[in-house]
Amino acid sequence: MQISLRDITKDNWVDMIDLEITKEQEKYVALPSEAIAASKFHEHYVNRGVYLGDKPIGYIQYYPNFNEGKPNEIYIDQLIIDVSLQGQGYGSKATALVLEEIKKIKGVKSVSICYVEGHDIMKTFFERFGFNVVDQDEFEETIMDLHYK
């Protein structure tokens, strides 16, 4: 079956909030319900469902990094794959798809992400896509970025 990204709409948002992650992972990412709710206060946020065929299996949120004064940078804020399907390559496929989608946005020169200290598995995950560590902020989050030519 094919992995695809779909807009989050009034018809499928409940599918996203039904996704599950482990209690440990809740220390590192927001639940989809929280992220979707927060996005309603920022019109530039993009919410995408990750689907395996017609089955919702994950959630991704990204937006232009206006808060940091970097409008040509997209910040991937959330990446979640349902716990029942983790470790099967779906997160990698979804990340590749979202990076291709972002690359098509006019004017975008880079993509950034961050991971919280203790969730270090994400460092090697994002390095596979060409991300490099650039900083560690005051919240013990490691920031990584990827530059487009």
Protein backbone atom coordinates (compact mmCIF):
# COMPACT_ATOMS: atom_id res chain seq x y z
CA MET A 1 0.00 0.00 0.00
CA GLN A 2 1.01 3.55 -0.70
CA ILE A 3 1.86 6.20 1.92
CA SER A 4 0.30 9.60 1.23
CA LEU A 5 -0.19 12.96 2.91
CA ARG A 6 -3.64 14.53 3.15
CA ASP A 7 -4.92 17.84 4.43
CA ILE A 8 -6.57 17.74 7.83
CA THR A 9 -10.20 18.74 7.40
CA LYS A 10 -13.44 18.64 9.35
CA ASP A 11 -13.95 15.20 7.83
CA ASN A 12 -10.74 13.55 9.08
CA TRP A 13 -9.48 15.49 12.11
CA VAL A 14 -10.95 12.91 14.49
CA ASP A 15 -8.82 10.25 12.77
CA MET A 16 -5.76 12.26 13.78
CA ILE A 17 -6.70 12.62 17.44
CA ASP A 18 -7.30 8.88 17.61
CA LEU A 19 -3.61 8.22 16.81
CA GLU A 20 -1.68 6.83 19.77
CA ILE A 21 1.89 7.24 20.94
CA THR A 22 3.60 5.85 24.02
CA LYS A 23 3.52 7.65 27.37
CA GLU A 24 7.29 8.13 27.02
CA GLN A 25 6.85 9.81 23.62
CA GLU A 26 4.33 12.25 25.10
CA LYS A 27 7.31 13.93 26.81
CA TYR A 28 8.71 14.86 23.40
CA VAL A 29 5.81 15.73 21.10
CA ALA A 30 2.38 17.25 21.43
CA LEU A 31 -0.61 15.04 20.92
CA PRO A 32 -2.29 15.63 17.54
CA SER A 33 -5.34 17.07 19.31
CA GLU A 34 -3.16 19.72 20.97
CA ALA A 35 -1.22 20.53 17.80
CA ILE A 36 -4.33 20.81 15.64
CA ALA A 37 -6.05 23.01 18.23
CA ALA A 38 -3.01 25.32 18.46
CA SER A 39 -2.82 25.57 14.67
CA LYS A 40 -6.26 27.14 14.53
CA PHE A 41 -4.74 30.30 16.01
CA HIS A 42 -2.06 30.51 13.28
CA GLU A 43 -3.27 30.59 9.69
CA HIS A 44 0.17 29.70 8.30
CA TYR A 45 0.31 26.26 10.01
CA VAL A 46 -0.03 23.23 7.73
CA ASN A 47 -1.53 20.04 9.17
CA ARG A 48 -1.11 16.83 7.19
CA GLY A 49 -2.43 13.36 7.89
CA VAL A 50 -0.22 10.41 7.00
CA TYR A 51 -2.21 7.62 5.36
CA LEU A 52 -1.43 4.05 4.43
CA GLY A 53 -3.97 3.57 1.67
CA ASP A 54 -7.12 4.89 3.36
CA LYS A 55 -5.94 4.15 6.89
CA PRO A 56 -4.75 7.14 8.98
CA ILE A 57 -1.40 6.23 10.52
CA GLY A 58 0.32 9.51 11.36
CA TYR A 59 0.34 13.26 11.61
CA ILE A 60 2.75 16.00 10.52
CA GLN A 61 2.60 19.73 11.19
CA TYR A 62 4.84 22.38 9.66
CA TYR A 63 4.89 26.13 9.13
CA PRO A 64 7.07 29.04 7.98
CA ASN A 65 9.38 30.03 10.83
CA PHE A 66 8.01 33.57 11.21
CA ASN A 67 8.52 33.56 14.99
CA GLU A 68 12.28 33.31 14.50
CA GLY A 69 12.28 35.91 11.71
CA LYS A 70 13.03 33.24 9.09
CA PRO A 71 10.16 33.34 6.57
CA ASN A 72 12.19 31.29 4.04
CA GLU A 73 12.59 28.44 6.51
CA ILE A 74 9.93 25.82 7.20
CA TYR A 75 9.80 24.39 10.69
CA ILE A 76 8.53 20.82 11.07
CA ASP A 77 6.88 20.97 14.47
CA GLN A 78 5.23 17.55 14.76
CA LEU A 79 5.86 14.10 13.34
CA ILE A 80 3.86 11.23 14.77
CA ILE A 81 3.29 7.68 13.59
CA ASP A 82 0.77 5.57 15.47
CA VAL A 83 2.51 3.35 18.03
CA SER A 84 1.12 0.20 16.40
CA LEU A 85 3.03 0.98 13.19
CA GLN A 86 6.27 2.50 14.47
CA GLY A 87 9.54 0.93 13.38
CA GLN A 88 8.19 -0.18 10.00
CA GLY A 89 9.56 2.66 7.87
CA TYR A 90 6.36 4.70 7.65
CA GLY A 91 7.88 7.68 9.45
CA SER A 92 10.77 7.71 6.97
CA LYS A 93 8.41 7.54 4.01
CA ALA A 94 6.20 10.29 5.45
CA THR A 95 9.23 12.49 6.12
CA ALA A 96 10.47 12.04 2.56
CA LEU A 97 7.02 13.02 1.26
CA VAL A 98 6.73 16.10 3.44
CA LEU A 99 10.25 17.24 2.50
CA GLU A 100 9.32 16.93 -1.19
CA GLU A 101 6.14 18.90 -0.52
CA ILE A 102 8.06 21.62 1.33
CA LYS A 103 10.72 21.81 -1.39
CA LYS A 104 7.98 22.90 -3.83
CA ILE A 105 6.99 25.92 -1.72
CA LYS A 106 8.21 29.06 -3.46
CA GLY A 107 11.02 30.85 -1.63
CA VAL A 108 11.81 28.11 0.88
CA LYS A 109 15.55 27.74 1.38
CA SER A 110 15.72 25.52 4.45
CA VAL A 111 13.83 23.23 6.79
CA SER A 112 14.40 23.00 10.52
CA ILE A 113 13.32 20.60 13.23
CA CYS A 114 14.18 20.11 16.86
CA TYR A 115 14.16 17.25 19.26
CA VAL A 116 14.11 17.28 23.03
CA GLU A 117 17.10 15.99 24.96
CA GLY A 118 16.47 12.36 25.78
CA HIS A 119 14.75 11.66 22.46
CA ASP A 120 18.12 11.34 20.74
CA ILE A 121 16.93 8.66 18.32
CA MET A 122 15.50 11.56 16.31
CA LYS A 123 19.00 12.91 15.63
CA THR A 124 20.02 9.87 13.60
CA PHE A 125 16.55 9.70 12.04
CA PHE A 126 16.82 13.23 10.62
CA GLU A 127 20.50 12.91 9.71
CA ARG A 128 19.43 10.30 7.14
CA PHE A 129 17.62 13.11 5.30
CA GLY A 130 20.61 15.47 5.39
CA PHE A 131 19.75 17.47 8.51
CA ASN A 132 22.65 18.77 10.62
CA VAL A 133 22.75 19.92 14.23
CA VAL A 134 23.07 23.71 14.42
CA ASP A 135 22.24 24.66 18.01
CA GLN A 136 20.85 23.67 21.37
CA ASP A 137 18.38 26.15 22.81
CA GLU A 138 17.50 27.17 26.34
CA PHE A 139 14.76 24.52 26.51
CA GLU A 140 17.25 21.65 26.01
CA GLU A 141 16.03 21.19 22.46
CA THR A 142 18.56 20.36 19.76
CA ILE A 143 17.89 22.23 16.54
CA MET A 144 18.73 20.67 13.18
CA ASP A 145 18.38 22.12 9.71
CA LEU A 146 18.50 21.14 6.07
CA HIS A 147 19.37 23.68 3.36
CA TYR A 148 18.07 23.61 -0.20
CA LYS A 149 20.13 24.99 -3.06
